[in-house]
């Protein structure tokens, strides 16, 4: 397990780009490693990328 410098237990974290590769893996890791965390994920669903991939 990784030792974090900041205690995120009981906190709310905002992740931008949550539907992308890095953002989605960060969200998964936060849920896996930290108890009692709330994650708010936002992303831009534009036609530039295939929206079906992000859904």
PDB file of N, CA and C in Angstrom:
ATOM      1  N   UNK A   1       0.834  -1.180   0.000  1.00  0.00           N
ATOM      2  CA  UNK A   1       0.000   0.000   0.000  1.00  0.00           C
ATOM      3  C   UNK A   1       0.880   1.245   0.000  1.00  0.00           C
ATOM      4  N   UNK A   2       0.424   2.266  -0.655  1.00  0.00           N
ATOM      5  CA  UNK A   2       1.169   3.513  -0.767  1.00  0.00           C
ATOM      6  C   UNK A   2       0.866   4.404   0.434  1.00  0.00           C
ATOM      7  N   UNK A   3       1.888   5.023   0.994  1.00  0.00           N
ATOM      8  CA  UNK A   3       1.680   5.997   2.069  1.00  0.00           C
ATOM      9  C   UNK A   3       1.461   7.366   1.460  1.00  0.00           C
ATOM     10  N   UNK A   4       0.347   7.988   1.780  1.00  0.00           N
ATOM     11  CA  UNK A   4       0.014   9.293   1.243  1.00  0.00           C
ATOM     12  C   UNK A   4       0.410  10.382   2.224  1.00  0.00           C
ATOM     13  N   UNK A   5       0.770  11.552   1.720  1.00  0.00           N
ATOM     14  CA  UNK A   5       1.127  12.686   2.564  1.00  0.00           C
ATOM     15  C   UNK A   5      -0.103  13.366   3.140  1.00  0.00           C
ATOM     16  N   UNK A   6      -1.254  13.162   2.515  1.00  0.00           N
ATOM     17  CA  UNK A   6      -2.484  13.820   2.930  1.00  0.00           C
ATOM     18  C   UNK A   6      -3.505  12.751   3.299  1.00  0.00           C
ATOM     19  N   UNK A   7      -4.189  12.964   4.407  1.00  0.00           N
ATOM     20  CA  UNK A   7      -5.239  12.037   4.813  1.00  0.00           C
ATOM     21  C   UNK A   7      -6.546  12.445   4.134  1.00  0.00           C
ATOM     22  N   UNK A   8      -7.062  11.600   3.250  1.00  0.00           N
ATOM     23  CA  UNK A   8      -8.279  11.909   2.501  1.00  0.00           C
ATOM     24  C   UNK A   8      -9.510  11.213   3.052  1.00  0.00           C
ATOM     25  N   UNK A   9      -9.368  10.473   4.150  1.00  0.00           N
ATOM     26  CA  UNK A   9     -10.518   9.784   4.722  1.00  0.00           C
ATOM     27  C   UNK A   9     -11.556  10.795   5.182  1.00  0.00           C
ATOM     28  N   UNK A  10     -12.817  10.561   4.769  1.00  0.00           N
ATOM     29  CA  UNK A  10     -13.907  11.447   5.141  1.00  0.00           C
ATOM     30  C   UNK A  10     -13.971  12.723   4.327  1.00  0.00           C
ATOM     31  N   UNK A  11     -13.158  12.836   3.296  1.00  0.00           N
ATOM     32  CA  UNK A  11     -13.108  14.047   2.470  1.00  0.00           C
ATOM     33  C   UNK A  11     -13.881  13.844   1.172  1.00  0.00           C
ATOM     34  N   UNK A  12     -14.151  14.953   0.491  1.00  0.00           N
ATOM     35  CA  UNK A  12     -14.736  14.939  -0.838  1.00  0.00           C
ATOM     36  C   UNK A  12     -13.667  15.405  -1.814  1.00  0.00           C
ATOM     37  N   UNK A  13     -13.456  14.638  -2.878  1.00  0.00           N
ATOM     38  CA  UNK A  13     -12.411  14.931  -3.849  1.00  0.00           C
ATOM     39  C   UNK A  13     -13.054  15.171  -5.211  1.00  0.00           C
ATOM     40  N   UNK A  14     -12.640  16.223  -5.893  1.00  0.00           N
ATOM     41  CA  UNK A  14     -13.109  16.530  -7.242  1.00  0.00           C
ATOM     42  C   UNK A  14     -12.061  16.046  -8.234  1.00  0.00           C
ATOM     43  N   UNK A  15     -12.488  15.203  -9.180  1.00  0.00           N
ATOM     44  CA  UNK A  15     -11.598  14.698 -10.216  1.00  0.00           C
ATOM     45  C   UNK A  15     -12.110  15.200 -11.552  1.00  0.00           C
ATOM     46  N   UNK A  16     -11.299  16.025 -12.218  1.00  0.00           N
ATOM     47  CA  UNK A  16     -11.669  16.491 -13.555  1.00  0.00           C
ATOM     48  C   UNK A  16     -11.107  15.507 -14.574  1.00  0.00           C
ATOM     49  N   UNK A  17     -11.835  15.314 -15.655  1.00  0.00           N
ATOM     50  CA  UNK A  17     -11.427  14.333 -16.653  1.00  0.00           C
ATOM     51  C   UNK A  17     -11.664  12.915 -16.188  1.00  0.00           C
ATOM     52  N   UNK A  18     -12.692  12.711 -15.394  1.00  0.00           N
ATOM     53  CA  UNK A  18     -12.941  11.415 -14.757  1.00  0.00           C
ATOM     54  C   UNK A  18     -13.344  10.318 -15.739  1.00  0.00           C
ATOM     55  N   UNK A  19     -13.777  10.662 -16.933  1.00  0.00           N
ATOM     56  CA  UNK A  19     -14.168   9.641 -17.903  1.00  0.00           C
ATOM     57  C   UNK A  19     -13.002   9.211 -18.781  1.00  0.00           C
ATOM     58  N   UNK A  20     -11.880   9.896 -18.694  1.00  0.00           N
ATOM     59  CA  UNK A  20     -10.704   9.533 -19.477  1.00  0.00           C
ATOM     60  C   UNK A  20      -9.913   8.417 -18.820  1.00  0.00           C
ATOM     61  N   UNK A  21      -8.825   8.032 -19.454  1.00  0.00           N
ATOM     62  CA  UNK A  21      -8.026   6.912 -18.971  1.00  0.00           C
ATOM     63  C   UNK A  21      -7.406   7.201 -17.607  1.00  0.00           C
ATOM     64  N   UNK A  22      -6.712   8.305 -17.486  1.00  0.00           N
ATOM     65  CA  UNK A  22      -6.034   8.629 -16.228  1.00  0.00           C
ATOM     66  C   UNK A  22      -7.040   8.940 -15.131  1.00  0.00           C
ATOM     67  N   UNK A  23      -8.040   9.763 -15.444  1.00  0.00           N
ATOM     68  CA  UNK A  23      -9.032  10.143 -14.440  1.00  0.00           C
ATOM     69  C   UNK A  23      -9.819   8.965 -13.919  1.00  0.00           C
ATOM     70  N   UNK A  24     -10.219   8.064 -14.802  1.00  0.00           N
ATOM     71  CA  UNK A  24     -11.008   6.909 -14.356  1.00  0.00           C
ATOM     72  C   UNK A  24     -10.178   5.975 -13.487  1.00  0.00           C
ATOM     73  N   UNK A  25      -8.905   5.811 -13.821  1.00  0.00           N
ATOM     74  CA  UNK A  25      -8.042   4.971 -12.990  1.00  0.00           C
ATOM     75  C   UNK A  25      -7.742   5.625 -11.648  1.00  0.00           C
ATOM     76  N   UNK A  26      -7.653   6.945 -11.624  1.00  0.00           N
ATOM     77  CA  UNK A  26      -7.477   7.650 -10.355  1.00  0.00           C
ATOM     78  C   UNK A  26      -8.686   7.453  -9.456  1.00  0.00           C
ATOM     79  N   UNK A  27      -9.879   7.572 -10.016  1.00  0.00           N
ATOM     80  CA  UNK A  27     -11.108   7.379  -9.238  1.00  0.00           C
ATOM     81  C   UNK A  27     -11.162   5.961  -8.675  1.00  0.00           C
ATOM     82  N   UNK A  28     -10.849   4.966  -9.494  1.00  0.00           N
ATOM     83  CA  UNK A  28     -10.839   3.584  -9.016  1.00  0.00           C
ATOM     84  C   UNK A  28      -9.839   3.405  -7.878  1.00  0.00           C
ATOM     85  N   UNK A  29      -8.667   4.005  -8.026  1.00  0.00           N
ATOM     86  CA  UNK A  29      -7.626   3.866  -6.998  1.00  0.00           C
ATOM     87  C   UNK A  29      -8.042   4.550  -5.700  1.00  0.00           C
ATOM     88  N   UNK A  30      -8.678   5.715  -5.800  1.00  0.00           N
ATOM     89  CA  UNK A  30      -9.138   6.407  -4.597  1.00  0.00           C
ATOM     90  C   UNK A  30     -10.158   5.569  -3.845  1.00  0.00           C
ATOM     91  N   UNK A  31     -11.119   4.987  -4.574  1.00  0.00           N
ATOM     92  CA  UNK A  31     -12.128   4.147  -3.924  1.00  0.00           C
ATOM     93  C   UNK A  31     -11.504   2.893  -3.317  1.00  0.00           C
ATOM     94  N   UNK A  32     -10.489   2.360  -3.959  1.00  0.00           N
ATOM     95  CA  UNK A  32      -9.856   1.144  -3.466  1.00  0.00           C
ATOM     96  C   UNK A  32      -8.987   1.401  -2.233  1.00  0.00           C
ATOM     97  N   UNK A  33      -8.260   2.517  -2.219  1.00  0.00           N
ATOM     98  CA  UNK A  33      -7.264   2.763  -1.174  1.00  0.00           C
ATOM     99  C   UNK A  33      -7.768   3.545   0.037  1.00  0.00           C
ATOM    100  N   UNK A  34      -8.837   4.320  -0.119  1.00  0.00           N
ATOM    101  CA  UNK A  34      -9.224   5.242   0.943  1.00  0.00           C
ATOM    102  C   UNK A  34     -10.652   4.943   1.398  1.00  0.00           C
ATOM    103  N   UNK A  35     -10.799   4.759   2.709  1.00  0.00           N
ATOM    104  CA  UNK A  35     -12.124   4.497   3.273  1.00  0.00           C
ATOM    105  C   UNK A  35     -12.878   5.809   3.423  1.00  0.00           C
ATOM    106  N   UNK A  36     -14.187   5.730   3.329  1.00  0.00           N
ATOM    107  CA  UNK A  36     -15.067   6.860   3.604  1.00  0.00           C
ATOM    108  C   UNK A  36     -14.713   8.099   2.788  1.00  0.00           C
ATOM    109  N   UNK A  37     -14.519   7.921   1.480  1.00  0.00           N
ATOM    110  CA  UNK A  37     -14.208   9.045   0.600  1.00  0.00           C
ATOM    111  C   UNK A  37     -15.378   9.270  -0.350  1.00  0.00           C
ATOM    112  N   UNK A  38     -15.628  10.527  -0.667  1.00  0.00           N
ATOM    113  CA  UNK A  38     -16.630  10.875  -1.672  1.00  0.00           C
ATOM    114  C   UNK A  38     -15.880  11.457  -2.863  1.00  0.00           C
ATOM    115  N   UNK A  39     -16.202  10.974  -4.056  1.00  0.00           N
ATOM    116  CA  UNK A  39     -15.535  11.440  -5.266  1.00  0.00           C
ATOM    117  C   UNK A  39     -16.575  12.047  -6.192  1.00  0.00           C
ATOM    118  N   UNK A  40     -16.298  13.259  -6.632  1.00  0.00           N
ATOM    119  CA  UNK A  40     -17.119  13.921  -7.641  1.00  0.00           C
ATOM    120  C   UNK A  40     -16.284  13.944  -8.913  1.00  0.00           C
ATOM    121  N   UNK A  41     -16.787  13.302  -9.951  1.00  0.00           N
ATOM    122  CA  UNK A  41     -16.060  13.240 -11.216  1.00  0.00           C
ATOM    123  C   UNK A  41     -16.786  14.008 -12.290  1.00  0.00           C
ATOM    124  N   UNK A  42     -16.048  14.867 -12.984  1.00  0.00           N
ATOM    125  CA  UNK A  42     -16.632  15.617 -14.099  1.00  0.00           C
ATOM    126  C   UNK A  42     -15.763  15.418 -15.336  1.00  0.00           C
ATOM    127  N   UNK A  43     -16.387  15.535 -16.489  1.00  0.00           N
ATOM    128  CA  UNK A  43     -15.667  15.415 -17.747  1.00  0.00           C
ATOM    129  C   UNK A  43     -16.472  16.118 -18.831  1.00  0.00           C
ATOM    130  N   UNK A  44     -15.810  16.461 -19.894  1.00  0.00           N
ATOM    131  CA  UNK A  44     -16.449  17.109 -21.033  1.00  0.00           C
ATOM    132  C   UNK A  44     -16.861  16.031 -22.029  1.00  0.00           C
ATOM    133  N   UNK A  45     -18.155  15.926 -22.274  1.00  0.00           N
ATOM    134  CA  UNK A  45     -18.660  14.942 -23.229  1.00  0.00           C
ATOM    135  C   UNK A  45     -18.951  15.644 -24.556  1.00  0.00           C
ATOM    136  N   UNK A  46     -17.897  15.915 -25.325  1.00  0.00           N
ATOM    137  CA  UNK A  46     -18.052  16.577 -26.611  1.00  0.00           C
ATOM    138  C   UNK A  46     -17.925  15.564 -27.741  1.00  0.00           C
ATOM    139  N   UNK A  47     -18.176  16.001 -28.951  1.00  0.00           N
ATOM    140  CA  UNK A  47     -18.084  15.120 -30.115  1.00  0.00           C
ATOM    141  C   UNK A  47     -16.648  14.945 -30.598  1.00  0.00           C
ATOM    142  N   UNK A  48     -15.674  15.610 -29.959  1.00  0.00           N
ATOM    143  CA  UNK A  48     -14.284  15.497 -30.383  1.00  0.00           C
ATOM    144  C   UNK A  48     -13.793  14.056 -30.245  1.00  0.00           C
ATOM    145  N   UNK A  49     -14.137  13.420 -29.133  1.00  0.00           N
ATOM    146  CA  UNK A  49     -13.841  12.002 -28.939  1.00  0.00           C
ATOM    147  C   UNK A  49     -15.148  11.220 -29.054  1.00  0.00           C
ATOM    148  N   UNK A  50     -15.041   9.936 -29.290  1.00  0.00           N
ATOM    149  CA  UNK A  50     -16.216   9.083 -29.360  1.00  0.00           C
ATOM    150  C   UNK A  50     -16.858   9.027 -27.968  1.00  0.00           C
ATOM    151  N   UNK A  51     -18.041   9.573 -27.834  1.00  0.00           N
ATOM    152  CA  UNK A  51     -18.717   9.657 -26.543  1.00  0.00           C
ATOM    153  C   UNK A  51     -19.013   8.260 -25.998  1.00  0.00           C
ATOM    154  N   UNK A  52     -19.249   7.289 -26.846  1.00  0.00           N
ATOM    155  CA  UNK A  52     -19.560   5.930 -26.376  1.00  0.00           C
ATOM    156  C   UNK A  52     -18.397   5.310 -25.600  1.00  0.00           C
ATOM    157  N   UNK A  53     -17.181   5.703 -25.922  1.00  0.00           N
ATOM    158  CA  UNK A  53     -16.029   5.187 -25.179  1.00  0.00           C
ATOM    159  C   UNK A  53     -16.057   5.694 -23.747  1.00  0.00           C
ATOM    160  N   UNK A  54     -16.412   6.972 -23.557  1.00  0.00           N
ATOM    161  CA  UNK A  54     -16.420   7.564 -22.220  1.00  0.00           C
ATOM    162  C   UNK A  54     -17.595   7.064 -21.392  1.00  0.00           C
ATOM    163  N   UNK A  55     -18.709   6.714 -22.034  1.00  0.00           N
ATOM    164  CA  UNK A  55     -19.867   6.236 -21.270  1.00  0.00           C
ATOM    165  C   UNK A  55     -19.563   4.873 -20.738  1.00  0.00           C
TER     166      UNK A  55
END
